[in-house]
Amino acid sequence: MKITIYSTTTCLYCKMLKSFLDEKGVRYTEKLIDQDDEALVEMQGLAEGHQGTPFTIVEKDDGLKEKIIGFDKGKFEEILGE
C-alpha cells in the first residue's frame, strides 16, 4: 500500500492524520502544497476541484486508488483493516 498526503504546514487536520498514521506505524509520503507548486498542481488534478487539505491518495496493492478528503479516521481504519 502506498499513501500520499497532500497537506500544508499549518493544517491542523493534516497534523492529526500524520500523527494517527505515525502511531499505527504506517508509512506515507507527504507533499506540502503551500511550499511546492508542482505538488499543488498535482493535487488539483487528482482532487477534481477539491482544494482542502489533507487530501490523501491510497494506492492499494491491487492497483486500485482511493481518494480521501480530510481526516476521516473511520475510513483510514477501514483501509488499514482495523
PDB file of N, CA and C in Angstrom:
ATOM      1  N   MET A   1       0.849  -1.169   0.000  1.00  0.00           N
ATOM      2  CA  MET A   1       0.000   0.000   0.000  1.00  0.00           C
ATOM      3  C   MET A   1       0.902   1.241   0.000  1.00  0.00           C
ATOM      4  N   LYS A   2       0.513   2.214  -0.822  1.00  0.00           N
ATOM      5  CA  LYS A   2       1.249   3.472  -0.909  1.00  0.00           C
ATOM      6  C   LYS A   2       0.285   4.603  -0.568  1.00  0.00           C
ATOM      7  N   ILE A   3       0.685   5.441   0.380  1.00  0.00           N
ATOM      8  CA  ILE A   3      -0.158   6.548   0.824  1.00  0.00           C
ATOM      9  C   ILE A   3       0.557   7.864   0.549  1.00  0.00           C
ATOM     10  N   THR A   4      -0.149   8.771  -0.130  1.00  0.00           N
ATOM     11  CA  THR A   4       0.379  10.105  -0.394  1.00  0.00           C
ATOM     12  C   THR A   4      -0.587  11.117   0.197  1.00  0.00           C
ATOM     13  N   ILE A   5      -0.053  11.982   1.065  1.00  0.00           N
ATOM     14  CA  ILE A   5      -0.855  13.012   1.719  1.00  0.00           C
ATOM     15  C   ILE A   5      -0.464  14.375   1.158  1.00  0.00           C
ATOM     16  N   TYR A   6      -1.437  15.089   0.641  1.00  0.00           N
ATOM     17  CA  TYR A   6      -1.239  16.468   0.213  1.00  0.00           C
ATOM     18  C   TYR A   6      -1.681  17.333   1.387  1.00  0.00           C
ATOM     19  N   SER A   7      -0.754  18.157   1.886  1.00  0.00           N
ATOM     20  CA  SER A   7      -1.045  18.915   3.093  1.00  0.00           C
ATOM     21  C   SER A   7      -0.416  20.301   3.021  1.00  0.00           C
ATOM     22  N   THR A   8      -0.651  21.072   4.086  1.00  0.00           N
ATOM     23  CA  THR A   8       0.002  22.372   4.246  1.00  0.00           C
ATOM     24  C   THR A   8       0.679  22.392   5.612  1.00  0.00           C
ATOM     25  N   THR A   9       1.584  23.321   5.773  1.00  0.00           N
ATOM     26  CA  THR A   9       2.343  23.392   7.021  1.00  0.00           C
ATOM     27  C   THR A   9       1.490  23.830   8.208  1.00  0.00           C
ATOM     28  N   THR A  10       0.351  24.472   7.956  1.00  0.00           N
ATOM     29  CA  THR A  10      -0.467  24.997   9.053  1.00  0.00           C
ATOM     30  C   THR A  10      -1.766  24.228   9.287  1.00  0.00           C
ATOM     31  N   CYS A  11      -1.991  23.151   8.560  1.00  0.00           N
ATOM     32  CA  CYS A  11      -3.249  22.416   8.622  1.00  0.00           C
ATOM     33  C   CYS A  11      -3.310  21.507   9.859  1.00  0.00           C
ATOM     34  N   LEU A  12      -4.236  21.806  10.764  1.00  0.00           N
ATOM     35  CA  LEU A  12      -4.403  21.015  11.978  1.00  0.00           C
ATOM     36  C   LEU A  12      -4.825  19.580  11.657  1.00  0.00           C
ATOM     37  N   TYR A  13      -5.763  19.408  10.721  1.00  0.00           N
ATOM     38  CA  TYR A  13      -6.228  18.063  10.380  1.00  0.00           C
ATOM     39  C   TYR A  13      -5.139  17.241   9.700  1.00  0.00           C
ATOM     40  N   CYS A  14      -4.252  17.914   8.970  1.00  0.00           N
ATOM     41  CA  CYS A  14      -3.104  17.225   8.370  1.00  0.00           C
ATOM     42  C   CYS A  14      -2.203  16.677   9.473  1.00  0.00           C
ATOM     43  N   LYS A  15      -1.966  17.476  10.479  1.00  0.00           N
ATOM     44  CA  LYS A  15      -1.129  17.050  11.611  1.00  0.00           C
ATOM     45  C   LYS A  15      -1.778  15.885  12.347  1.00  0.00           C
ATOM     46  N   MET A  16      -3.094  15.941  12.506  1.00  0.00           N
ATOM     47  CA  MET A  16      -3.811  14.853  13.178  1.00  0.00           C
ATOM     48  C   MET A  16      -3.700  13.560  12.371  1.00  0.00           C
ATOM     49  N   LEU A  17      -3.852  13.658  11.049  1.00  0.00           N
ATOM     50  CA  LEU A  17      -3.746  12.486  10.195  1.00  0.00           C
ATOM     51  C   LEU A  17      -2.354  11.886  10.263  1.00  0.00           C
ATOM     52  N   LYS A  18      -1.335  12.719  10.152  1.00  0.00           N
ATOM     53  CA  LYS A  18       0.044  12.218  10.189  1.00  0.00           C
ATOM     54  C   LYS A  18       0.353  11.582  11.547  1.00  0.00           C
ATOM     55  N   SER A  19      -0.133  12.181  12.618  1.00  0.00           N
ATOM     56  CA  SER A  19       0.059  11.620  13.954  1.00  0.00           C
ATOM     57  C   SER A  19      -0.622  10.263  14.073  1.00  0.00           C
ATOM     58  N   PHE A  20      -1.846  10.163  13.549  1.00  0.00           N
ATOM     59  CA  PHE A  20      -2.598   8.909  13.561  1.00  0.00           C
ATOM     60  C   PHE A  20      -1.824   7.822  12.823  1.00  0.00           C
ATOM     61  N   LEU A  21      -1.350   8.129  11.625  1.00  0.00           N
ATOM     62  CA  LEU A  21      -0.607   7.144  10.839  1.00  0.00           C
ATOM     63  C   LEU A  21       0.722   6.797  11.498  1.00  0.00           C
ATOM     64  N   ASP A  22       1.392   7.790  12.076  1.00  0.00           N
ATOM     65  CA  ASP A  22       2.656   7.532  12.777  1.00  0.00           C
ATOM     66  C   ASP A  22       2.443   6.567  13.942  1.00  0.00           C
ATOM     67  N   GLU A  23       1.361   6.782  14.704  1.00  0.00           N
ATOM     68  CA  GLU A  23       1.062   5.903  15.841  1.00  0.00           C
ATOM     69  C   GLU A  23       0.818   4.467  15.391  1.00  0.00           C
ATOM     70  N   LYS A  24       0.263   4.303  14.182  1.00  0.00           N
ATOM     71  CA  LYS A  24      -0.018   2.971  13.639  1.00  0.00           C
ATOM     72  C   LYS A  24       1.195   2.368  12.936  1.00  0.00           C
ATOM     73  N   GLY A  25       2.262   3.154  12.807  1.00  0.00           N
ATOM     74  CA  GLY A  25       3.450   2.675  12.116  1.00  0.00           C
ATOM     75  C   GLY A  25       3.271   2.587  10.610  1.00  0.00           C
ATOM     76  N   VAL A  26       2.360   3.388  10.073  1.00  0.00           N
ATOM     77  CA  VAL A  26       2.064   3.375   8.643  1.00  0.00           C
ATOM     78  C   VAL A  26       2.945   4.404   7.940  1.00  0.00           C
ATOM     79  N   ARG A  27       3.625   3.967   6.893  1.00  0.00           N
ATOM     80  CA  ARG A  27       4.485   4.861   6.126  1.00  0.00           C
ATOM     81  C   ARG A  27       3.653   5.611   5.090  1.00  0.00           C
ATOM     82  N   TYR A  28       4.059   6.845   4.819  1.00  0.00           N
ATOM     83  CA  TYR A  28       3.372   7.683   3.852  1.00  0.00           C
ATOM     84  C   TYR A  28       4.355   8.703   3.280  1.00  0.00           C
ATOM     85  N   THR A  29       3.953   9.275   2.168  1.00  0.00           N
ATOM     86  CA  THR A  29       4.693  10.372   1.560  1.00  0.00           C
ATOM     87  C   THR A  29       3.859  11.625   1.735  1.00  0.00           C
ATOM     88  N   GLU A  30       4.499  12.696   2.146  1.00  0.00           N
ATOM     89  CA  GLU A  30       3.794  13.965   2.321  1.00  0.00           C
ATOM     90  C   GLU A  30       4.245  14.944   1.250  1.00  0.00           C
ATOM     91  N   LYS A  31       3.280  15.645   0.667  1.00  0.00           N
ATOM     92  CA  LYS A  31       3.573  16.686  -0.311  1.00  0.00           C
ATOM     93  C   LYS A  31       2.950  17.977   0.203  1.00  0.00           C
ATOM     94  N   LEU A  32       3.791  18.966   0.488  1.00  0.00           N
ATOM     95  CA  LEU A  32       3.333  20.232   1.048  1.00  0.00           C
ATOM     96  C   LEU A  32       2.955  21.184  -0.078  1.00  0.00           C
ATOM     97  N   ILE A  33       1.669  21.363  -0.264  1.00  0.00           N
ATOM     98  CA  ILE A  33       1.198  22.162  -1.397  1.00  0.00           C
ATOM     99  C   ILE A  33       1.401  23.663  -1.190  1.00  0.00           C
ATOM    100  N   ASP A  34       1.681  24.088   0.042  1.00  0.00           N
ATOM    101  CA  ASP A  34       1.950  25.507   0.278  1.00  0.00           C
ATOM    102  C   ASP A  34       3.430  25.842   0.083  1.00  0.00           C
ATOM    103  N   GLN A  35       4.247  24.838  -0.205  1.00  0.00           N
ATOM    104  CA  GLN A  35       5.674  25.063  -0.431  1.00  0.00           C
ATOM    105  C   GLN A  35       6.143  24.507  -1.774  1.00  0.00           C
ATOM    106  N   ASP A  36       5.303  23.758  -2.451  1.00  0.00           N
ATOM    107  CA  ASP A  36       5.688  23.082  -3.679  1.00  0.00           C
ATOM    108  C   ASP A  36       4.587  23.265  -4.724  1.00  0.00           C
ATOM    109  N   ASP A  37       4.834  24.163  -5.675  1.00  0.00           N
ATOM    110  CA  ASP A  37       3.823  24.459  -6.697  1.00  0.00           C
ATOM    111  C   ASP A  37       3.478  23.237  -7.535  1.00  0.00           C
ATOM    112  N   GLU A  38       4.442  22.386  -7.804  1.00  0.00           N
ATOM    113  CA  GLU A  38       4.178  21.168  -8.583  1.00  0.00           C
ATOM    114  C   GLU A  38       3.229  20.239  -7.834  1.00  0.00           C
ATOM    115  N   ALA A  39       3.424  20.129  -6.519  1.00  0.00           N
ATOM    116  CA  ALA A  39       2.536  19.296  -5.703  1.00  0.00           C
ATOM    117  C   ALA A  39       1.118  19.869  -5.699  1.00  0.00           C
ATOM    118  N   LEU A  40       1.007  21.197  -5.666  1.00  0.00           N
ATOM    119  CA  LEU A  40      -0.310  21.840  -5.704  1.00  0.00           C
ATOM    120  C   LEU A  40      -1.025  21.519  -7.009  1.00  0.00           C
ATOM    121  N   VAL A  41      -0.336  21.655  -8.132  1.00  0.00           N
ATOM    122  CA  VAL A  41      -0.931  21.370  -9.439  1.00  0.00           C
ATOM    123  C   VAL A  41      -1.307  19.887  -9.526  1.00  0.00           C
ATOM    124  N   GLU A  42      -0.440  19.041  -9.006  1.00  0.00           N
ATOM    125  CA  GLU A  42      -0.709  17.595  -8.999  1.00  0.00           C
ATOM    126  C   GLU A  42      -1.982  17.292  -8.212  1.00  0.00           C
ATOM    127  N   MET A  43      -2.097  17.885  -7.014  1.00  0.00           N
ATOM    128  CA  MET A  43      -3.274  17.653  -6.181  1.00  0.00           C
ATOM    129  C   MET A  43      -4.531  18.170  -6.870  1.00  0.00           C
ATOM    130  N   GLN A  44      -4.461  19.344  -7.481  1.00  0.00           N
ATOM    131  CA  GLN A  44      -5.618  19.910  -8.147  1.00  0.00           C
ATOM    132  C   GLN A  44      -6.114  18.989  -9.261  1.00  0.00           C
ATOM    133  N   GLY A  45      -5.196  18.340  -9.949  1.00  0.00           N
ATOM    134  CA  GLY A  45      -5.581  17.405 -10.992  1.00  0.00           C
ATOM    135  C   GLY A  45      -6.240  16.152 -10.450  1.00  0.00           C
ATOM    136  N   LEU A  46      -5.794  15.703  -9.299  1.00  0.00           N
ATOM    137  CA  LEU A  46      -6.327  14.480  -8.695  1.00  0.00           C
ATOM    138  C   LEU A  46      -7.612  14.720  -7.906  1.00  0.00           C
ATOM    139  N   ALA A  47      -7.724  15.896  -7.317  1.00  0.00           N
ATOM    140  CA  ALA A  47      -8.806  16.174  -6.367  1.00  0.00           C
ATOM    141  C   ALA A  47     -10.106  16.611  -7.031  1.00  0.00           C
ATOM    142  N   GLU A  48     -10.104  16.754  -8.351  1.00  0.00           N
ATOM    143  CA  GLU A  48     -11.327  17.093  -9.080  1.00  0.00           C
ATOM    144  C   GLU A  48     -12.024  18.318  -8.497  1.00  0.00           C
ATOM    145  N   GLY A  49     -11.260  19.372  -8.255  1.00  0.00           N
ATOM    146  CA  GLY A  49     -11.826  20.631  -7.781  1.00  0.00           C
ATOM    147  C   GLY A  49     -11.757  20.837  -6.281  1.00  0.00           C
ATOM    148  N   HIS A  50     -11.559  19.787  -5.533  1.00  0.00           N
ATOM    149  CA  HIS A  50     -11.462  19.937  -4.075  1.00  0.00           C
ATOM    150  C   HIS A  50     -10.156  20.644  -3.746  1.00  0.00           C
ATOM    151  N   GLN A  51     -10.195  21.620  -2.824  1.00  0.00           N
ATOM    152  CA  GLN A  51      -8.996  22.391  -2.535  1.00  0.00           C
ATOM    153  C   GLN A  51      -8.528  22.289  -1.096  1.00  0.00           C
ATOM    154  N   GLY A  52      -9.270  21.578  -0.261  1.00  0.00           N
ATOM    155  CA  GLY A  52      -8.901  21.491   1.143  1.00  0.00           C
ATOM    156  C   GLY A  52      -7.858  20.418   1.410  1.00  0.00           C
ATOM    157  N   THR A  53      -7.253  20.524   2.566  1.00  0.00           N
ATOM    158  CA  THR A  53      -6.277  19.521   2.998  1.00  0.00           C
ATOM    159  C   THR A  53      -6.690  18.988   4.357  1.00  0.00           C
ATOM    160  N   PRO A  54      -6.290  17.794   4.705  1.00  0.00           N
ATOM    161  CA  PRO A  54      -5.486  16.896   3.889  1.00  0.00           C
ATOM    162  C   PRO A  54      -6.315  16.251   2.776  1.00  0.00           C
ATOM    163  N   PHE A  55      -5.636  15.986   1.687  1.00  0.00           N
ATOM    164  CA  PHE A  55      -6.191  15.204   0.588  1.00  0.00           C
ATOM    165  C   PHE A  55      -5.242  14.029   0.406  1.00  0.00           C
ATOM    166  N   THR A  56      -5.776  12.829   0.514  1.00  0.00           N
ATOM    167  CA  THR A  56      -4.935  11.636   0.532  1.00  0.00           C
ATOM    168  C   THR A  56      -5.304  10.684  -0.594  1.00  0.00           C
ATOM    169  N   ILE A  57      -4.280  10.134  -1.214  1.00  0.00           N
ATOM    170  CA  ILE A  57      -4.448   9.078  -2.204  1.00  0.00           C
ATOM    171  C   ILE A  57      -3.863   7.808  -1.597  1.00  0.00           C
ATOM    172  N   VAL A  58      -4.672   6.769  -1.537  1.00  0.00           N
ATOM    173  CA  VAL A  58      -4.215   5.470  -1.057  1.00  0.00           C
ATOM    174  C   VAL A  58      -4.208   4.534  -2.256  1.00  0.00           C
ATOM    175  N   GLU A  59      -3.021   4.089  -2.626  1.00  0.00           N
ATOM    176  CA  GLU A  59      -2.900   3.127  -3.724  1.00  0.00           C
ATOM    177  C   GLU A  59      -2.714   1.750  -3.103  1.00  0.00           C
ATOM    178  N   LYS A  60      -3.724   0.925  -3.295  1.00  0.00           N
ATOM    179  CA  LYS A  60      -3.709  -0.408  -2.694  1.00  0.00           C
ATOM    180  C   LYS A  60      -2.812  -1.345  -3.499  1.00  0.00           C
ATOM    181  N   ASP A  61      -2.476  -2.467  -2.919  1.00  0.00           N
ATOM    182  CA  ASP A  61      -1.579  -3.425  -3.554  1.00  0.00           C
ATOM    183  C   ASP A  61      -2.128  -3.962  -4.875  1.00  0.00           C
ATOM    184  N   ASP A  62      -3.465  -3.951  -5.020  1.00  0.00           N
ATOM    185  CA  ASP A  62      -4.067  -4.435  -6.261  1.00  0.00           C
ATOM    186  C   ASP A  62      -4.139  -3.351  -7.340  1.00  0.00           C
ATOM    187  N   GLY A  63      -3.584  -2.153  -7.033  1.00  0.00           N
ATOM    188  CA  GLY A  63      -3.538  -1.074  -8.008  1.00  0.00           C
ATOM    189  C   GLY A  63      -4.691  -0.089  -7.918  1.00  0.00           C
ATOM    190  N   LEU A  64      -5.737  -0.433  -7.167  1.00  0.00           N
ATOM    191  CA  LEU A  64      -6.857   0.488  -7.005  1.00  0.00           C
ATOM    192  C   LEU A  64      -6.438   1.684  -6.160  1.00  0.00           C
ATOM    193  N   LYS A  65      -6.952   2.847  -6.535  1.00  0.00           N
ATOM    194  CA  LYS A  65      -6.639   4.067  -5.796  1.00  0.00           C
ATOM    195  C   LYS A  65      -7.892   4.600  -5.136  1.00  0.00           C
ATOM    196  N   GLU A  66      -7.732   5.025  -3.911  1.00  0.00           N
ATOM    197  CA  GLU A  66      -8.842   5.590  -3.156  1.00  0.00           C
ATOM    198  C   GLU A  66      -8.463   7.005  -2.744  1.00  0.00           C
ATOM    199  N   LYS A  67      -9.398   7.934  -2.929  1.00  0.00           N
ATOM    200  CA  LYS A  67      -9.183   9.328  -2.557  1.00  0.00           C
ATOM    201  C   LYS A  67      -9.935   9.613  -1.274  1.00  0.00           C
ATOM    202  N   ILE A  68      -9.238  10.243  -0.330  1.00  0.00           N
ATOM    203  CA  ILE A  68      -9.859  10.574   0.949  1.00  0.00           C
ATOM    204  C   ILE A  68      -9.700  12.070   1.193  1.00  0.00           C
ATOM    205  N   ILE A  69     -10.810  12.735   1.397  1.00  0.00           N
ATOM    206  CA  ILE A  69     -10.811  14.167   1.656  1.00  0.00           C
ATOM    207  C   ILE A  69     -10.910  14.386   3.157  1.00  0.00           C
ATOM    208  N   GLY A  70      -9.992  15.163   3.697  1.00  0.00           N
ATOM    209  CA  GLY A  70      -9.986  15.453   5.126  1.00  0.00           C
ATOM    210  C   GLY A  70      -9.412  14.293   5.939  1.00  0.00           C
ATOM    211  N   PHE A  71      -9.520  14.390   7.241  1.00  0.00           N
ATOM    212  CA  PHE A  71      -9.059  13.326   8.135  1.00  0.00           C
ATOM    213  C   PHE A  71     -10.273  12.510   8.537  1.00  0.00           C
ATOM    214  N   ASP A  72     -10.565  11.474   7.755  1.00  0.00           N
ATOM    215  CA  ASP A  72     -11.686  10.575   8.002  1.00  0.00           C
ATOM    216  C   ASP A  72     -11.127   9.341   8.713  1.00  0.00           C
ATOM    217  N   LYS A  73     -11.065   9.419  10.038  1.00  0.00           N
ATOM    218  CA  LYS A  73     -10.446   8.357  10.831  1.00  0.00           C
ATOM    219  C   LYS A  73     -11.071   6.998  10.549  1.00  0.00           C
ATOM    220  N   GLY A  74     -12.390   6.943  10.459  1.00  0.00           N
ATOM    221  CA  GLY A  74     -13.075   5.689  10.193  1.00  0.00           C
ATOM    222  C   GLY A  74     -12.670   5.081   8.860  1.00  0.00           C
ATOM    223  N   LYS A  75     -12.533   5.918   7.863  1.00  0.00           N
ATOM    224  CA  LYS A  75     -12.130   5.455   6.533  1.00  0.00           C
ATOM    225  C   LYS A  75     -10.705   4.913   6.567  1.00  0.00           C
ATOM    226  N   PHE A  76      -9.818   5.616   7.267  1.00  0.00           N
ATOM    227  CA  PHE A  76      -8.438   5.133   7.364  1.00  0.00           C
ATOM    228  C   PHE A  76      -8.363   3.828   8.148  1.00  0.00           C
ATOM    229  N   GLU A  77      -9.154   3.699   9.203  1.00  0.00           N
ATOM    230  CA  GLU A  77      -9.179   2.433   9.958  1.00  0.00           C
ATOM    231  C   GLU A  77      -9.683   1.306   9.073  1.00  0.00           C
ATOM    232  N   GLU A  78     -10.681   1.586   8.249  1.00  0.00           N
ATOM    233  CA  GLU A  78     -11.208   0.574   7.324  1.00  0.00           C
ATOM    234  C   GLU A  78     -10.126   0.143   6.335  1.00  0.00           C
ATOM    235  N   ILE A  79      -9.428   1.098   5.778  1.00  0.00           N
ATOM    236  CA  ILE A  79      -8.371   0.793   4.806  1.00  0.00           C
ATOM    237  C   ILE A  79      -7.233   0.001   5.442  1.00  0.00           C
ATOM    238  N   LEU A  80      -6.924   0.352   6.693  1.00  0.00           N
ATOM    239  CA  LEU A  80      -5.833  -0.325   7.403  1.00  0.00           C
ATOM    240  C   LEU A  80      -6.273  -1.667   7.993  1.00  0.00           C
ATOM    241  N   GLY A  81      -7.554  -1.996   7.852  1.00  0.00           N
ATOM    242  CA  GLY A  81      -8.055  -3.272   8.324  1.00  0.00           C
ATOM    243  C   GLY A  81      -8.263  -3.361   9.813  1.00  0.00           C
ATOM    244  N   GLU A  82      -8.641  -2.251  10.405  1.00  0.00           N
ATOM    245  CA  GLU A  82      -8.862  -2.238  11.867  1.00  0.00           C
ATOM    246  C   GLU A  82     -10.331  -2.340  12.198  1.00  0.00           C
TER     247      GLU A  82
END
